[in-house]
PDB file of N, CA and C in Angstrom:
ATOM      1  N   MET A   1     156.308 -28.954 150.220  1.00  0.00           N
ATOM      2  CA  MET A   1     157.134 -30.487 148.938  1.00  0.00           C
ATOM      3  C   MET A   1     156.879 -31.199 150.198  1.00  0.00           C
ATOM      4  N   ILE A   2     157.007 -31.708 151.506  1.00  0.00           N
ATOM      5  CA  ILE A   2     157.001 -32.321 152.990  1.00  0.00           C
ATOM      6  C   ILE A   2     155.993 -32.736 152.882  1.00  0.00           C
ATOM      7  N   VAL A   3     154.960 -31.541 152.990  1.00  0.00           N
ATOM      8  CA  VAL A   3     153.474 -31.563 153.851  1.00  0.00           C
ATOM      9  C   VAL A   3     152.813 -32.748 152.546  1.00  0.00           C
ATOM     10  N   LYS A   4     153.122 -32.422 151.051  1.00  0.00           N
ATOM     11  CA  LYS A   4     152.045 -33.499 150.012  1.00  0.00           C
ATOM     12  C   LYS A   4     153.040 -34.603 150.179  1.00  0.00           C
ATOM     13  N   VAL A   5     154.418 -35.164 150.519  1.00  0.00           N
ATOM     14  CA  VAL A   5     154.445 -36.054 150.644  1.00  0.00           C
ATOM     15  C   VAL A   5     153.927 -36.721 151.698  1.00  0.00           C
ATOM     16  N   VAL A   6     154.138 -36.333 152.745  1.00  0.00           N
ATOM     17  CA  VAL A   6     153.260 -37.271 154.050  1.00  0.00           C
ATOM     18  C   VAL A   6     151.872 -37.463 153.538  1.00  0.00           C
ATOM     19  N   VAL A   7     151.262 -36.299 153.120  1.00  0.00           N
ATOM     20  CA  VAL A   7     150.006 -36.753 152.834  1.00  0.00           C
ATOM     21  C   VAL A   7     149.625 -37.752 152.156  1.00  0.00           C
ATOM     22  N   LEU A   8     150.455 -37.498 150.848  1.00  0.00           N
ATOM     23  CA  LEU A   8     150.114 -39.021 150.107  1.00  0.00           C
ATOM     24  C   LEU A   8     150.549 -40.276 150.356  1.00  0.00           C
ATOM     25  N   PHE A   9     151.584 -40.090 151.502  1.00  0.00           N
ATOM     26  CA  PHE A   9     151.879 -41.690 152.130  1.00  0.00           C
ATOM     27  C   PHE A   9     150.594 -41.916 153.583  1.00  0.00           C
ATOM     28  N   LEU A  10     150.212 -40.930 153.548  1.00  0.00           N
ATOM     29  CA  LEU A  10     148.874 -41.238 154.476  1.00  0.00           C
ATOM     30  C   LEU A  10     147.686 -41.949 153.594  1.00  0.00           C
ATOM     31  N   VAL A  11     147.250 -41.087 152.853  1.00  0.00           N
ATOM     32  CA  VAL A  11     146.319 -41.453 152.128  1.00  0.00           C
ATOM     33  C   VAL A  11     146.507 -43.488 151.567  1.00  0.00           C
ATOM     34  N   GLY A  12     147.840 -43.281 150.904  1.00  0.00           N
ATOM     35  CA  GLY A  12     148.050 -44.691 150.496  1.00  0.00           C
ATOM     36  C   GLY A  12     148.229 -45.426 152.047  1.00  0.00           C
ATOM     37  N   MET A  13     148.890 -45.358 153.002  1.00  0.00           N
ATOM     38  CA  MET A  13     148.095 -45.954 154.153  1.00  0.00           C
ATOM     39  C   MET A  13     146.609 -46.644 154.485  1.00  0.00           C
ATOM     40  N   ALA A  14     145.939 -45.440 154.358  1.00  0.00           N
ATOM     41  CA  ALA A  14     144.539 -45.398 154.637  1.00  0.00           C
ATOM     42  C   ALA A  14     143.947 -46.304 153.504  1.00  0.00           C
ATOM     43  N   VAL A  15     144.139 -46.302 152.279  1.00  0.00           N
ATOM     44  CA  VAL A  15     144.308 -46.907 151.444  1.00  0.00           C
ATOM     45  C   VAL A  15     144.263 -48.859 151.454  1.00  0.00           C
ATOM     46  N   LEU A  16     145.539 -48.745 151.737  1.00  0.00           N
ATOM     47  CA  LEU A  16     145.877 -50.145 152.483  1.00  0.00           C
ATOM     48  C   LEU A  16     145.330 -50.860 152.897  1.00  0.00           C
ATOM     49  N   ALA A  17     144.766 -50.039 154.551  1.00  0.00           N
ATOM     50  CA  ALA A  17     144.108 -50.409 155.443  1.00  0.00           C
ATOM     51  C   ALA A  17     142.944 -50.775 155.153  1.00  0.00           C
ATOM     52  N   MET A  18     141.914 -50.016 154.349  1.00  0.00           N
ATOM     53  CA  MET A  18     140.690 -50.178 153.539  1.00  0.00           C
ATOM     54  C   MET A  18     140.672 -51.687 152.984  1.00  0.00           C
ATOM     55  N   PHE A  19     142.057 -52.106 151.382  1.00  0.00           N
ATOM     56  CA  PHE A  19     141.951 -52.662 151.474  1.00  0.00           C
ATOM     57  C   PHE A  19     142.163 -54.570 151.940  1.00  0.00           C
ATOM     58  N   GLY A  20     143.083 -54.133 153.207  1.00  0.00           N
ATOM     59  CA  GLY A  20     142.868 -55.753 153.916  1.00  0.00           C
ATOM     60  C   GLY A  20     141.869 -55.567 154.872  1.00  0.00           C
ATOM     61  N   ARG A  21     141.072 -54.619 155.245  1.00  0.00           N
ATOM     62  CA  ARG A  21     139.864 -54.980 155.951  1.00  0.00           C
ATOM     63  C   ARG A  21     139.145 -55.889 155.125  1.00  0.00           C
ATOM     64  N   LEU A  22     138.746 -55.350 153.765  1.00  0.00           N
ATOM     65  CA  LEU A  22     137.808 -56.270 153.020  1.00  0.00           C
ATOM     66  C   LEU A  22     138.565 -57.699 152.766  1.00  0.00           C
ATOM     67  N   ARG A  23     139.662 -58.132 152.512  1.00  0.00           N
ATOM     68  CA  ARG A  23     140.171 -59.204 152.454  1.00  0.00           C
ATOM     69  C   ARG A  23     139.904 -60.342 153.694  1.00  0.00           C
ATOM     70  N   LEU A  24     140.841 -59.712 154.980  1.00  0.00           N
ATOM     71  CA  LEU A  24     139.866 -60.448 156.363  1.00  0.00           C
ATOM     72  C   LEU A  24     139.440 -59.507 157.460  1.00  0.00           C
ATOM     73  N   PRO A  25     137.913 -59.677 157.079  1.00  0.00           N
ATOM     74  CA  PRO A  25     137.183 -59.054 157.719  1.00  0.00           C
ATOM     75  C   PRO A  25     137.272 -58.631 159.764  1.00  0.00           C
ATOM     76  N   GLY A  26     137.488 -60.338 159.872  1.00  0.00           N
ATOM     77  CA  GLY A  26     137.167 -60.589 160.997  1.00  0.00           C
ATOM     78  C   GLY A  26     138.642 -61.284 161.245  1.00  0.00           C
ATOM     79  N   PRO A  27     138.234 -61.642 163.091  1.00  0.00           N
ATOM     80  CA  PRO A  27     139.196 -62.822 164.048  1.00  0.00           C
ATOM     81  C   PRO A  27     139.436 -64.289 162.937  1.00  0.00           C
ATOM     82  N   LEU A  28     137.845 -64.487 162.653  1.00  0.00           N
ATOM     83  CA  LEU A  28     137.828 -65.703 162.121  1.00  0.00           C
ATOM     84  C   LEU A  28     138.440 -66.158 161.003  1.00  0.00           C
ATOM     85  N   SER A  29     138.963 -65.455 160.223  1.00  0.00           N
ATOM     86  CA  SER A  29     139.378 -65.517 158.754  1.00  0.00           C
ATOM     87  C   SER A  29     141.247 -65.704 158.939  1.00  0.00           C
ATOM     88  N   LYS A  30     141.535 -65.198 160.502  1.00  0.00           N
ATOM     89  CA  LYS A  30     142.880 -65.526 160.824  1.00  0.00           C
ATOM     90  C   LYS A  30     143.277 -67.002 161.332  1.00  0.00           C
ATOM     91  N   GLY A  31     142.153 -68.007 161.225  1.00  0.00           N
ATOM     92  CA  GLY A  31     142.466 -69.229 161.841  1.00  0.00           C
ATOM     93  C   GLY A  31     142.549 -69.270 163.445  1.00  0.00           C
ATOM     94  N   LYS A  32     142.035 -67.871 163.891  1.00  0.00           N
ATOM     95  CA  LYS A  32     142.058 -67.696 165.478  1.00  0.00           C
ATOM     96  C   LYS A  32     141.207 -69.146 166.282  1.00  0.00           C
ATOM     97  N   PRO A  33     141.603 -69.765 167.213  1.00  0.00           N
ATOM     98  CA  PRO A  33     140.665 -70.626 167.992  1.00  0.00           C
ATOM     99  C   PRO A  33     139.682 -69.918 168.451  1.00  0.00           C
ATOM    100  N   GLY A  34     139.728 -68.854 168.923  1.00  0.00           N
ATOM    101  CA  GLY A  34     137.745 -68.671 169.856  1.00  0.00           C
ATOM    102  C   GLY A  34     137.429 -68.778 170.705  1.00  0.00           C
ATOM    103  N   LYS A  35     136.345 -68.785 170.832  1.00  0.00           N
ATOM    104  CA  LYS A  35     136.328 -68.948 172.668  1.00  0.00           C
ATOM    105  C   LYS A  35     135.259 -70.310 172.738  1.00  0.00           C
ATOM    106  N   CYS A  36     135.163 -70.697 173.966  1.00  0.00           N
ATOM    107  CA  CYS A  36     134.602 -72.259 174.058  1.00  0.00           C
ATOM    108  C   CYS A  36     133.404 -71.628 174.570  1.00  0.00           C
ATOM    109  N   ARG A  37     132.407 -72.666 173.817  1.00  0.00           N
ATOM    110  CA  ARG A  37     130.927 -72.748 173.452  1.00  0.00           C
ATOM    111  C   ARG A  37     130.466 -72.460 174.876  1.00  0.00           C
ATOM    112  N   ALA A  38     130.609 -73.843 175.686  1.00  0.00           N
ATOM    113  CA  ALA A  38     130.134 -73.984 176.936  1.00  0.00           C
ATOM    114  C   ALA A  38     130.892 -73.184 178.349  1.00  0.00           C
ATOM    115  N   CYS A  39     131.541 -72.099 178.780  1.00  0.00           N
ATOM    116  CA  CYS A  39     132.063 -71.676 179.194  1.00  0.00           C
ATOM    117  C   CYS A  39     132.745 -70.635 178.942  1.00  0.00           C
ATOM    118  N   GLY A  40     132.999 -70.320 177.746  1.00  0.00           N
ATOM    119  CA  GLY A  40     133.348 -68.839 177.485  1.00  0.00           C
ATOM    120  C   GLY A  40     134.531 -68.632 177.617  1.00  0.00           C
ATOM    121  N   ARG A  41     135.761 -69.092 177.892  1.00  0.00           N
ATOM    122  CA  ARG A  41     137.259 -69.151 178.532  1.00  0.00           C
ATOM    123  C   ARG A  41     137.685 -69.162 176.370  1.00  0.00           C
ATOM    124  N   PRO A  42     138.876 -68.179 176.265  1.00  0.00           N
ATOM    125  CA  PRO A  42     139.161 -68.074 174.926  1.00  0.00           C
ATOM    126  C   PRO A  42     140.086 -69.372 175.229  1.00  0.00           C
ATOM    127  N   LYS A  43     140.069 -70.343 173.952  1.00  0.00           N
ATOM    128  CA  LYS A  43     140.736 -71.799 173.654  1.00  0.00           C
ATOM    129  C   LYS A  43     142.131 -71.420 173.677  1.00  0.00           C
ATOM    130  N   ILE A  44     142.756 -71.833 173.930  1.00  0.00           N
ATOM    131  CA  ILE A  44     144.465 -72.222 173.165  1.00  0.00           C
ATOM    132  C   ILE A  44     144.341 -73.162 172.876  1.00  0.00           C
ATOM    133  N   GLY A  45     145.221 -72.810 171.387  1.00  0.00           N
ATOM    134  CA  GLY A  45     145.146 -73.879 170.616  1.00  0.00           C
ATOM    135  C   GLY A  45     143.810 -74.524 170.202  1.00  0.00           C
ATOM    136  N   ARG A  46     143.971 -75.974 168.634  1.00  0.00           N
ATOM    137  CA  ARG A  46     143.089 -76.561 168.219  1.00  0.00           C
ATOM    138  C   ARG A  46     142.440 -77.650 168.992  1.00  0.00           C
ATOM    139  N   GLY A  47     142.513 -77.789 170.576  1.00  0.00           N
ATOM    140  CA  GLY A  47     142.155 -79.181 171.066  1.00  0.00           C
ATOM    141  C   GLY A  47     141.102 -78.458 171.644  1.00  0.00           C
ATOM    142  N   PRO A  48     140.565 -79.726 172.739  1.00  0.00           N
ATOM    143  CA  PRO A  48     139.337 -79.594 173.315  1.00  0.00           C
ATOM    144  C   PRO A  48     139.395 -78.191 174.267  1.00  0.00           C
ATOM    145  N   CYS A  49     138.353 -77.755 175.159  1.00  0.00           N
ATOM    146  CA  CYS A  49     138.463 -76.835 175.853  1.00  0.00           C
ATOM    147  C   CYS A  49     139.137 -77.569 177.500  1.00  0.00           C
ATOM    148  N   SER A  50     139.646 -76.782 178.079  1.00  0.00           N
ATOM    149  CA  SER A  50     139.994 -77.553 179.475  1.00  0.00           C
ATOM    150  C   SER A  50     138.989 -77.891 180.099  1.00  0.00           C
ATOM    151  N   CYS A  51     137.763 -77.300 179.951  1.00  0.00           N
ATOM    152  CA  CYS A  51     136.769 -77.792 181.061  1.00  0.00           C
ATOM    153  C   CYS A  51     136.047 -78.438 180.626  1.00  0.00           C
ATOM    154  N   GLY A  52     136.313 -79.479 179.814  1.00  0.00           N
ATOM    155  CA  GLY A  52     135.913 -80.858 179.329  1.00  0.00           C
ATOM    156  C   GLY A  52     134.607 -80.951 178.834  1.00  0.00           C
ATOM    157  N   LYS A  53     133.796 -79.631 178.361  1.00  0.00           N
ATOM    158  CA  LYS A  53     132.461 -79.792 177.744  1.00  0.00           C
ATOM    159  C   LYS A  53     132.786 -79.551 176.298  1.00  0.00           C
ATOM    160  N   GLY A  54     133.791 -78.587 175.745  1.00  0.00           N
ATOM    161  CA  GLY A  54     133.669 -78.129 174.421  1.00  0.00           C
ATOM    162  C   GLY A  54     134.898 -78.474 173.726  1.00  0.00           C
TER     163      GLY A  54
END
């Protein structure tokens, strides 16, 4: 009985994870700033990069 509950719980969590990936496929959809195109360093915040080029 407990094994069935655990298996159903794990299957449910796997289904939720698949739907979560379909809605949010990558890091850009979460609003993360990403990397500077000029120097490649990760950007902190939404302002320009500290290298002054991007």
